[in-house]
Amino acid sequence: MNTISFYTQITSKNKQTLDLYSQITGVKKNFIINKALEMFFNTQLNIPKEFMIEESIYVDENEFERIKNMDKEPNQNLKELLKNV
């Protein structure tokens, strides 16, 4: 496989997570980043855009608890919506 080097900026949180994951697992950082990019592009190319959520969704603690405690089984409306997908 041909490789190149390039420079990019990432958040400090992602850098810390990358460093920690690499240290714990012994997996090289360049492998992790390359695999993440492959997965990202695969998702972008294979999932229709109407099913993609581009923005992060943030909920407060109360809303998170409400969502967490919701019924786990899909209701009839959701089943109808997804049966043709």
Protein backbone atom coordinates (compact mmCIF):
# COMPACT_ATOMS: atom_id res chain seq x y z
CA MET A 1 0.00 0.00 0.00
CA ASN A 2 1.32 3.43 -0.92
CA THR A 3 1.26 5.92 1.93
CA ILE A 4 1.77 9.66 2.23
CA SER A 5 2.10 12.03 5.16
CA PHE A 6 -0.15 15.01 5.66
CA TYR A 7 -0.88 17.51 8.39
CA THR A 8 -4.27 18.14 9.95
CA GLN A 9 -5.69 19.53 13.15
CA ILE A 10 -7.92 17.55 15.51
CA THR A 11 -9.52 18.41 18.82
CA SER A 12 -7.49 17.86 21.95
CA LYS A 13 -10.14 15.39 23.17
CA ASN A 14 -9.74 13.28 20.00
CA LYS A 15 -5.96 13.42 20.38
CA GLN A 16 -6.16 12.25 23.99
CA THR A 17 -8.55 9.44 23.04
CA LEU A 18 -6.34 8.39 20.13
CA ASP A 19 -3.22 8.37 22.31
CA LEU A 20 -4.93 6.43 25.10
CA TYR A 21 -6.52 3.87 22.75
CA SER A 22 -3.23 3.33 20.95
CA GLN A 23 -1.36 2.93 24.24
CA ILE A 24 -3.89 0.49 25.71
CA THR A 25 -4.34 -1.67 22.60
CA GLY A 26 -0.90 -1.36 21.05
CA VAL A 27 -2.49 -0.45 17.72
CA LYS A 28 -0.52 2.16 15.79
CA LYS A 29 -2.15 5.59 15.52
CA ASN A 30 -1.74 5.73 11.74
CA PHE A 31 -3.66 2.42 11.44
CA ILE A 32 -6.48 3.76 13.66
CA ILE A 33 -6.76 6.97 11.66
CA ASN A 34 -6.62 5.18 8.30
CA LYS A 35 -9.29 2.69 9.41
CA ALA A 36 -11.50 5.51 10.70
CA LEU A 37 -11.23 7.31 7.36
CA GLU A 38 -12.06 4.11 5.46
CA MET A 39 -15.13 3.58 7.63
CA PHE A 40 -16.21 7.22 7.22
CA PHE A 41 -15.92 7.11 3.42
CA ASN A 42 -17.63 3.72 3.24
CA THR A 43 -20.54 5.11 5.24
CA GLN A 44 -20.76 8.26 3.13
CA LEU A 45 -20.79 6.26 -0.10
CA ASN A 46 -23.20 3.51 0.95
CA ILE A 47 -25.84 5.11 3.16
CA PRO A 48 -28.35 7.34 1.37
CA LYS A 49 -28.03 11.01 2.32
CA GLU A 50 -31.60 11.20 3.61
CA PHE A 51 -30.62 8.79 6.39
CA MET A 52 -27.47 10.69 7.37
CA ILE A 53 -27.45 13.07 10.31
CA GLU A 54 -24.66 15.55 9.68
CA GLU A 55 -24.90 17.44 12.95
CA SER A 56 -24.21 16.22 16.43
CA ILE A 57 -27.26 16.00 18.63
CA TYR A 58 -26.94 17.29 22.17
CA VAL A 59 -29.49 16.65 24.89
CA ASP A 60 -29.52 17.76 28.47
CA GLU A 61 -29.36 15.30 31.36
CA ASN A 62 -33.13 15.15 31.86
CA GLU A 63 -33.80 14.46 28.19
CA PHE A 64 -31.04 11.84 28.12
CA GLU A 65 -32.69 10.02 31.04
CA ARG A 66 -36.07 10.18 29.28
CA ILE A 67 -34.59 8.73 26.08
CA LYS A 68 -32.67 6.07 27.97
CA ASN A 69 -35.84 4.89 29.69
CA MET A 70 -38.00 4.75 26.56
CA ASP A 71 -39.41 1.49 25.23
CA LYS A 72 -36.68 -0.44 23.45
CA GLU A 73 -39.00 -2.13 20.96
CA PRO A 74 -40.08 -0.16 17.87
CA ASN A 75 -43.70 0.93 17.82
CA GLN A 76 -46.07 0.15 14.94
CA ASN A 77 -45.48 3.52 13.22
CA LEU A 78 -41.74 2.95 13.12
CA LYS A 79 -42.21 -0.59 11.83
CA GLU A 80 -44.41 0.72 9.02
CA LEU A 81 -41.90 3.42 8.17
CA LEU A 82 -38.99 0.98 7.98
CA LYS A 83 -40.66 -1.97 6.25
CA ASN A 84 -39.86 -0.60 2.78
CA VAL A 85 -36.27 0.31 3.58
